[in-house]
Amino acid sequence: MNRLRIRHVTGFHYDGEVTASYNEARMLPMSADSQLVLYSNLEILPISGHHSYTDYWGTRVSSFEILTPHRELSLTATSLVEVRPREHPEHRVGWEALADTIERATEYVEQLAQTRLTAPPEEVVEIARTALAESESPCATALAVCEQIGRRIQYMPGSTSVYTTAREAWDKGKGVCQDITHLAIGALRSIGIPARYVSGYLHPKPDAAIGETVAGESHAWVEWFCGDWRGFDPTNLMEIGDRHVSVGRGRDYNDVAPLRGVYAGPYASKLFVTVEITRES
């Protein structure tokens, strides 16, 4: 078990003084079967009252507005989370049983429809269809698809943006975790496997010493349903383990963006982000 302290700082610098801004933040994890949140806090500057709620997809949201003139918006999310190793039992549910289960719950049906960000190119659909023909079960098929997608896309920070679609990333042949996850989700949905986007953090150093603080970043991976929800990190070609901390789930990145909002003012804005992760036990 890992105990991880995460400090995520983000916000906007404005080229001039804006008069007001209205925002939503999704930066604090929730306790789940594999992780226990011991502490979490969101500091907003300029100081603002905020309203917290859990959204439709089960993600913690802080909604706030700043009605005084300001040149910078800064958020600092601090969390202390115990993360347990995940078990990934083999699910032998067949395709007919899976289809029957999916029809019984909106939770699964909603994760079958493609979005603008996940709609896959035909070549990716063919990869999924080939895996379907060669695998014995939906779960084995999904794992094979995610592994192939992860191997085919070169991870290159800065090569895409939050607006890049799965098709565009595939054409480039490179992208970041968001793009690789969108491609995996699109491929799985194309063959009838419900799949969802997970946002969170990954401690980048498996052998980090206790007390060591390292530079991290927001991360994304995929979960698919094959009798139960199972996660996989296609960017790193690894199972979800005790270095992954989940924050939000949704249909694609747009459902779980860490910070989004609008502001009143004629000035341009520039996003800034830093993430620090400390292993405490």
Foldseek 3Di string as FASTA:
>chain_A
DFKKKKKKKKWKAWPDKFQKKKKKFQADADDDPFKDWPDKDKQKPVDWDWDWDQDPQGFIMTITMDRHIDRMIMMIMITIMFGAFDDDDDFQFAPVRVVVVQVVDPVQVQQLDADQQQAADPVLLVQLVVLVVVDNHLVSSLLSSLQVLLVQAAEDPPPDDPPHHLHNRNVVSYYHQQNSQSPSSNNSSSVPWRKKKWKWWFDPDPPDDAFDKDWTDIHMWMWIDRPHTATARSNVSGGDTRRTGTRGMDNGCVVRPRMDIDTGDDIDMDMDMTMMMGTND
